[in-house]
Every structure is written in C-alpha cells, then in structure tokens.
Amino acid sequence: MTENKMYFTASELAEILGISVGHAYKIIRKLNDELQKEGYIVIAGKVPKRYVEKRCFGFSA
C-alpha cells in the first residue's frame, strides 16, 4: 500500500477526525458537492486529501 495516495476514504477520514464512518460519508458528500459546484470531477466515496486539509484544518492546498 502506498502512502502517496491522493484521496481519503470514509474509513480513513473517520479515523483521522475521530468520527463514525457514516458521518465521514456525510462529510465526503458535502465536500464533493462543493468541489463539483466549482467544476471539479469527483469520485464518490473519496475526497482529495488536500481539500480535506484546507477545509478541516485550514492548511493551504
């Protein structure tokens, strides 16, 4: 398994944020909706790591 993955899955996001997997899916849907409205192509059930860092932690993507 490579550590250079570009996306978080729901289980990875749940572990990082300390939330349930179901809630992680809700967050992924919300973030993907935001990205889609900006014209980006999204993958259901996954969210780009850099976008999570930007939106959840305030780090610049």
PDB file of N, CA and C in Angstrom:
ATOM      1  N   MET A   1       0.840  -1.181   0.000  1.00  0.00           N
ATOM      2  CA  MET A   1       0.000   0.000   0.000  1.00  0.00           C
ATOM      3  C   MET A   1       0.888   1.250   0.000  1.00  0.00           C
ATOM      4  N   THR A   2       0.613   2.166  -0.898  1.00  0.00           N
ATOM      5  CA  THR A   2       1.431   3.361  -0.991  1.00  0.00           C
ATOM      6  C   THR A   2       0.923   4.453  -0.059  1.00  0.00           C
ATOM      7  N   GLU A   3       1.839   5.240   0.437  1.00  0.00           N
ATOM      8  CA  GLU A   3       1.478   6.351   1.311  1.00  0.00           C
ATOM      9  C   GLU A   3       1.222   7.626   0.521  1.00  0.00           C
ATOM     10  N   ASN A   4       1.426   7.594  -0.778  1.00  0.00           N
ATOM     11  CA  ASN A   4       1.252   8.774  -1.610  1.00  0.00           C
ATOM     12  C   ASN A   4      -0.123   8.836  -2.258  1.00  0.00           C
ATOM     13  N   LYS A   5      -1.127   8.284  -1.609  1.00  0.00           N
ATOM     14  CA  LYS A   5      -2.471   8.330  -2.151  1.00  0.00           C
ATOM     15  C   LYS A   5      -2.988   9.767  -2.125  1.00  0.00           C
ATOM     16  N   MET A   6      -3.796  10.108  -3.104  1.00  0.00           N
ATOM     17  CA  MET A   6      -4.311  11.464  -3.211  1.00  0.00           C
ATOM     18  C   MET A   6      -5.661  11.642  -2.526  1.00  0.00           C
ATOM     19  N   TYR A   7      -6.331  10.541  -2.189  1.00  0.00           N
ATOM     20  CA  TYR A   7      -7.688  10.614  -1.661  1.00  0.00           C
ATOM     21  C   TYR A   7      -7.801   9.940  -0.303  1.00  0.00           C
ATOM     22  N   PHE A   8      -8.739  10.441   0.513  1.00  0.00           N
ATOM     23  CA  PHE A   8      -9.132   9.776   1.743  1.00  0.00           C
ATOM     24  C   PHE A   8     -10.399   8.988   1.459  1.00  0.00           C
ATOM     25  N   THR A   9     -10.489   7.797   2.013  1.00  0.00           N
ATOM     26  CA  THR A   9     -11.741   7.044   2.000  1.00  0.00           C
ATOM     27  C   THR A   9     -12.503   7.408   3.266  1.00  0.00           C
ATOM     28  N   ALA A  10     -13.734   6.940   3.372  1.00  0.00           N
ATOM     29  CA  ALA A  10     -14.548   7.250   4.544  1.00  0.00           C
ATOM     30  C   ALA A  10     -13.928   6.681   5.816  1.00  0.00           C
ATOM     31  N   SER A  11     -13.400   5.480   5.751  1.00  0.00           N
ATOM     32  CA  SER A  11     -12.818   4.882   6.957  1.00  0.00           C
ATOM     33  C   SER A  11     -11.559   5.631   7.391  1.00  0.00           C
ATOM     34  N   GLU A  12     -10.748   6.082   6.435  1.00  0.00           N
ATOM     35  CA  GLU A  12      -9.556   6.866   6.777  1.00  0.00           C
ATOM     36  C   GLU A  12      -9.938   8.217   7.375  1.00  0.00           C
ATOM     37  N   LEU A  13     -10.932   8.867   6.771  1.00  0.00           N
ATOM     38  CA  LEU A  13     -11.387  10.156   7.265  1.00  0.00           C
ATOM     39  C   LEU A  13     -11.988  10.029   8.664  1.00  0.00           C
ATOM     40  N   ALA A  14     -12.734   8.949   8.882  1.00  0.00           N
ATOM     41  CA  ALA A  14     -13.330   8.712  10.202  1.00  0.00           C
ATOM     42  C   ALA A  14     -12.249   8.565  11.266  1.00  0.00           C
ATOM     43  N   GLU A  15     -11.213   7.846  10.941  1.00  0.00           N
ATOM     44  CA  GLU A  15     -10.120   7.639  11.893  1.00  0.00           C
ATOM     45  C   GLU A  15      -9.388   8.947  12.197  1.00  0.00           C
ATOM     46  N   ILE A  16      -9.123   9.736  11.170  1.00  0.00           N
ATOM     47  CA  ILE A  16      -8.400  10.994  11.339  1.00  0.00           C
ATOM     48  C   ILE A  16      -9.204  11.987  12.173  1.00  0.00           C
ATOM     49  N   LEU A  17     -10.501  12.091  11.889  1.00  0.00           N
ATOM     50  CA  LEU A  17     -11.345  13.076  12.570  1.00  0.00           C
ATOM     51  C   LEU A  17     -11.968  12.545  13.864  1.00  0.00           C
ATOM     52  N   GLY A  18     -11.841  11.247  14.106  1.00  0.00           N
ATOM     53  CA  GLY A  18     -12.415  10.653  15.308  1.00  0.00           C
ATOM     54  C   GLY A  18     -13.929  10.615  15.283  1.00  0.00           C
ATOM     55  N   ILE A  19     -14.484  10.277  14.127  1.00  0.00           N
ATOM     56  CA  ILE A  19     -15.936  10.225  13.953  1.00  0.00           C
ATOM     57  C   ILE A  19     -16.321   8.859  13.406  1.00  0.00           C
ATOM     58  N   SER A  20     -17.626   8.617  13.304  1.00  0.00           N
ATOM     59  CA  SER A  20     -18.084   7.347  12.744  1.00  0.00           C
ATOM     60  C   SER A  20     -17.920   7.349  11.228  1.00  0.00           C
ATOM     61  N   VAL A  21     -17.897   6.166  10.651  1.00  0.00           N
ATOM     62  CA  VAL A  21     -17.762   6.032   9.205  1.00  0.00           C
ATOM     63  C   VAL A  21     -18.977   6.644   8.503  1.00  0.00           C
ATOM     64  N   GLY A  22     -20.160   6.470   9.075  1.00  0.00           N
ATOM     65  CA  GLY A  22     -21.366   7.053   8.487  1.00  0.00           C
ATOM     66  C   GLY A  22     -21.288   8.569   8.413  1.00  0.00           C
ATOM     67  N   HIS A  23     -20.785   9.184   9.477  1.00  0.00           N
ATOM     68  CA  HIS A  23     -20.640  10.640   9.480  1.00  0.00           C
ATOM     69  C   HIS A  23     -19.551  11.067   8.490  1.00  0.00           C
ATOM     70  N   ALA A  24     -18.511  10.274   8.355  1.00  0.00           N
ATOM     71  CA  ALA A  24     -17.450  10.571   7.389  1.00  0.00           C
ATOM     72  C   ALA A  24     -18.013  10.580   5.968  1.00  0.00           C
ATOM     73  N   TYR A  25     -18.926   9.650   5.661  1.00  0.00           N
ATOM     74  CA  TYR A  25     -19.553   9.642   4.338  1.00  0.00           C
ATOM     75  C   TYR A  25     -20.348  10.927   4.106  1.00  0.00           C
ATOM     76  N   LYS A  26     -21.034  11.425   5.133  1.00  0.00           N
ATOM     77  CA  LYS A  26     -21.784  12.681   5.007  1.00  0.00           C
ATOM     78  C   LYS A  26     -20.844  13.842   4.703  1.00  0.00           C
ATOM     79  N   ILE A  27     -19.708  13.878   5.386  1.00  0.00           N
ATOM     80  CA  ILE A  27     -18.729  14.936   5.151  1.00  0.00           C
ATOM     81  C   ILE A  27     -18.157  14.826   3.744  1.00  0.00           C
ATOM     82  N   ILE A  28     -17.854  13.609   3.307  1.00  0.00           N
ATOM     83  CA  ILE A  28     -17.332  13.404   1.953  1.00  0.00           C
ATOM     84  C   ILE A  28     -18.337  13.879   0.914  1.00  0.00           C
ATOM     85  N   ARG A  29     -19.614  13.566   1.102  1.00  0.00           N
ATOM     86  CA  ARG A  29     -20.640  14.024   0.160  1.00  0.00           C
ATOM     87  C   ARG A  29     -20.686  15.552   0.110  1.00  0.00           C
ATOM     88  N   LYS A  30     -20.616  16.195   1.283  1.00  0.00           N
ATOM     89  CA  LYS A  30     -20.653  17.656   1.347  1.00  0.00           C
ATOM     90  C   LYS A  30     -19.447  18.266   0.633  1.00  0.00           C
ATOM     91  N   LEU A  31     -18.264  17.749   0.922  1.00  0.00           N
ATOM     92  CA  LEU A  31     -17.058  18.279   0.289  1.00  0.00           C
ATOM     93  C   LEU A  31     -17.059  18.026  -1.215  1.00  0.00           C
ATOM     94  N   ASN A  32     -17.512  16.847  -1.632  1.00  0.00           N
ATOM     95  CA  ASN A  32     -17.583  16.550  -3.057  1.00  0.00           C
ATOM     96  C   ASN A  32     -18.608  17.438  -3.769  1.00  0.00           C
ATOM     97  N   ASP A  33     -19.718  17.755  -3.097  1.00  0.00           N
ATOM     98  CA  ASP A  33     -20.701  18.678  -3.679  1.00  0.00           C
ATOM     99  C   ASP A  33     -20.072  20.051  -3.901  1.00  0.00           C
ATOM    100  N   GLU A  34     -19.291  20.524  -2.923  1.00  0.00           N
ATOM    101  CA  GLU A  34     -18.603  21.809  -3.066  1.00  0.00           C
ATOM    102  C   GLU A  34     -17.653  21.780  -4.256  1.00  0.00           C
ATOM    103  N   LEU A  35     -16.876  20.710  -4.366  1.00  0.00           N
ATOM    104  CA  LEU A  35     -15.920  20.587  -5.469  1.00  0.00           C
ATOM    105  C   LEU A  35     -16.635  20.522  -6.817  1.00  0.00           C
ATOM    106  N   GLN A  36     -17.732  19.787  -6.860  1.00  0.00           N
ATOM    107  CA  GLN A  36     -18.470  19.642  -8.112  1.00  0.00           C
ATOM    108  C   GLN A  36     -19.058  20.982  -8.562  1.00  0.00           C
ATOM    109  N   LYS A  37     -19.534  21.783  -7.616  1.00  0.00           N
ATOM    110  CA  LYS A  37     -20.073  23.103  -7.953  1.00  0.00           C
ATOM    111  C   LYS A  37     -18.987  24.026  -8.491  1.00  0.00           C
ATOM    112  N   GLU A  38     -17.739  23.778  -8.104  1.00  0.00           N
ATOM    113  CA  GLU A  38     -16.615  24.565  -8.607  1.00  0.00           C
ATOM    114  C   GLU A  38     -16.102  24.020  -9.940  1.00  0.00           C
ATOM    115  N   GLY A  39     -16.703  22.932 -10.431  1.00  0.00           N
ATOM    116  CA  GLY A  39     -16.358  22.399 -11.738  1.00  0.00           C
ATOM    117  C   GLY A  39     -15.363  21.252 -11.739  1.00  0.00           C
ATOM    118  N   TYR A  40     -15.029  20.731 -10.563  1.00  0.00           N
ATOM    119  CA  TYR A  40     -14.081  19.623 -10.489  1.00  0.00           C
ATOM    120  C   TYR A  40     -14.795  18.288 -10.657  1.00  0.00           C
ATOM    121  N   ILE A  41     -14.077  17.307 -11.136  1.00  0.00           N
ATOM    122  CA  ILE A  41     -14.581  15.938 -11.228  1.00  0.00           C
ATOM    123  C   ILE A  41     -14.368  15.295  -9.865  1.00  0.00           C
ATOM    124  N   VAL A  42     -15.384  14.618  -9.348  1.00  0.00           N
ATOM    125  CA  VAL A  42     -15.291  13.996  -8.029  1.00  0.00           C
ATOM    126  C   VAL A  42     -15.461  12.486  -8.136  1.00  0.00           C
ATOM    127  N   ILE A  43     -14.961  11.787  -7.127  1.00  0.00           N
ATOM    128  CA  ILE A  43     -15.098  10.338  -7.036  1.00  0.00           C
ATOM    129  C   ILE A  43     -15.957  10.043  -5.818  1.00  0.00           C
ATOM    130  N   ALA A  44     -17.075   9.372  -6.019  1.00  0.00           N
ATOM    131  CA  ALA A  44     -17.977   9.065  -4.919  1.00  0.00           C
ATOM    132  C   ALA A  44     -17.273   8.213  -3.868  1.00  0.00           C
ATOM    133  N   GLY A  45     -17.440   8.582  -2.614  1.00  0.00           N
ATOM    134  CA  GLY A  45     -16.863   7.816  -1.515  1.00  0.00           C
ATOM    135  C   GLY A  45     -15.421   8.159  -1.193  1.00  0.00           C
ATOM    136  N   LYS A  46     -14.847   9.103  -1.950  1.00  0.00           N
ATOM    137  CA  LYS A  46     -13.475   9.537  -1.697  1.00  0.00           C
ATOM    138  C   LYS A  46     -13.411  11.052  -1.818  1.00  0.00           C
ATOM    139  N   VAL A  47     -12.442  11.641  -1.117  1.00  0.00           N
ATOM    140  CA  VAL A  47     -12.271  13.093  -1.180  1.00  0.00           C
ATOM    141  C   VAL A  47     -10.766  13.382  -1.214  1.00  0.00           C
ATOM    142  N   PRO A  48     -10.349  14.377  -2.019  1.00  0.00           N
ATOM    143  CA  PRO A  48      -8.920  14.686  -2.097  1.00  0.00           C
ATOM    144  C   PRO A  48      -8.337  15.100  -0.739  1.00  0.00           C
ATOM    145  N   LYS A  49      -7.172  14.567  -0.426  1.00  0.00           N
ATOM    146  CA  LYS A  49      -6.521  14.854   0.855  1.00  0.00           C
ATOM    147  C   LYS A  49      -6.285  16.348   1.035  1.00  0.00           C
ATOM    148  N   ARG A  50      -5.810  17.003   0.007  1.00  0.00           N
ATOM    149  CA  ARG A  50      -5.501  18.437   0.119  1.00  0.00           C
ATOM    150  C   ARG A  50      -6.741  19.264   0.399  1.00  0.00           C
ATOM    151  N   TYR A  51      -7.871  18.870  -0.167  1.00  0.00           N
ATOM    152  CA  TYR A  51      -9.106  19.625   0.078  1.00  0.00           C
ATOM    153  C   TYR A  51      -9.569  19.430   1.513  1.00  0.00           C
ATOM    154  N   VAL A  52      -9.415  18.228   2.039  1.00  0.00           N
ATOM    155  CA  VAL A  52      -9.761  17.977   3.447  1.00  0.00           C
ATOM    156  C   VAL A  52      -8.870  18.823   4.349  1.00  0.00           C
ATOM    157  N   GLU A  53      -7.570  18.856   4.062  1.00  0.00           N
ATOM    158  CA  GLU A  53      -6.657  19.651   4.855  1.00  0.00           C
ATOM    159  C   GLU A  53      -7.035  21.125   4.834  1.00  0.00           C
ATOM    160  N   LYS A  54      -7.432  21.604   3.678  1.00  0.00           N
ATOM    161  CA  LYS A  54      -7.821  23.003   3.529  1.00  0.00           C
ATOM    162  C   LYS A  54      -9.096  23.312   4.291  1.00  0.00           C
ATOM    163  N   ARG A  55     -10.124  22.479   4.117  1.00  0.00           N
ATOM    164  CA  ARG A  55     -11.437  22.753   4.714  1.00  0.00           C
ATOM    165  C   ARG A  55     -11.530  22.419   6.192  1.00  0.00           C
ATOM    166  N   CYS A  56     -10.861  21.365   6.628  1.00  0.00           N
ATOM    167  CA  CYS A  56     -10.983  20.928   8.020  1.00  0.00           C
ATOM    168  C   CYS A  56      -9.916  21.504   8.923  1.00  0.00           C
ATOM    169  N   PHE A  57      -8.727  21.714   8.389  1.00  0.00           N
ATOM    170  CA  PHE A  57      -7.615  22.127   9.233  1.00  0.00           C
ATOM    171  C   PHE A  57      -7.080  23.510   8.885  1.00  0.00           C
ATOM    172  N   GLY A  58      -7.542  24.095   7.792  1.00  0.00           N
ATOM    173  CA  GLY A  58      -7.116  25.425   7.406  1.00  0.00           C
ATOM    174  C   GLY A  58      -5.784  25.506   6.702  1.00  0.00           C
ATOM    175  N   PHE A  59      -5.240  24.362   6.287  1.00  0.00           N
ATOM    176  CA  PHE A  59      -3.972  24.356   5.563  1.00  0.00           C
ATOM    177  C   PHE A  59      -4.234  24.729   4.117  1.00  0.00           C
ATOM    178  N   SER A  60      -3.305  25.431   3.544  1.00  0.00           N
ATOM    179  CA  SER A  60      -3.437  25.835   2.150  1.00  0.00           C
ATOM    180  C   SER A  60      -3.185  24.654   1.226  1.00  0.00           C
ATOM    181  N   ALA A  61      -4.103  24.466   0.285  1.00  0.00           N
ATOM    182  CA  ALA A  61      -3.944  23.382  -0.684  1.00  0.00           C
ATOM    183  C   ALA A  61      -3.137  23.909  -1.778  1.00  0.00           C
TER     184      ALA A  61
END
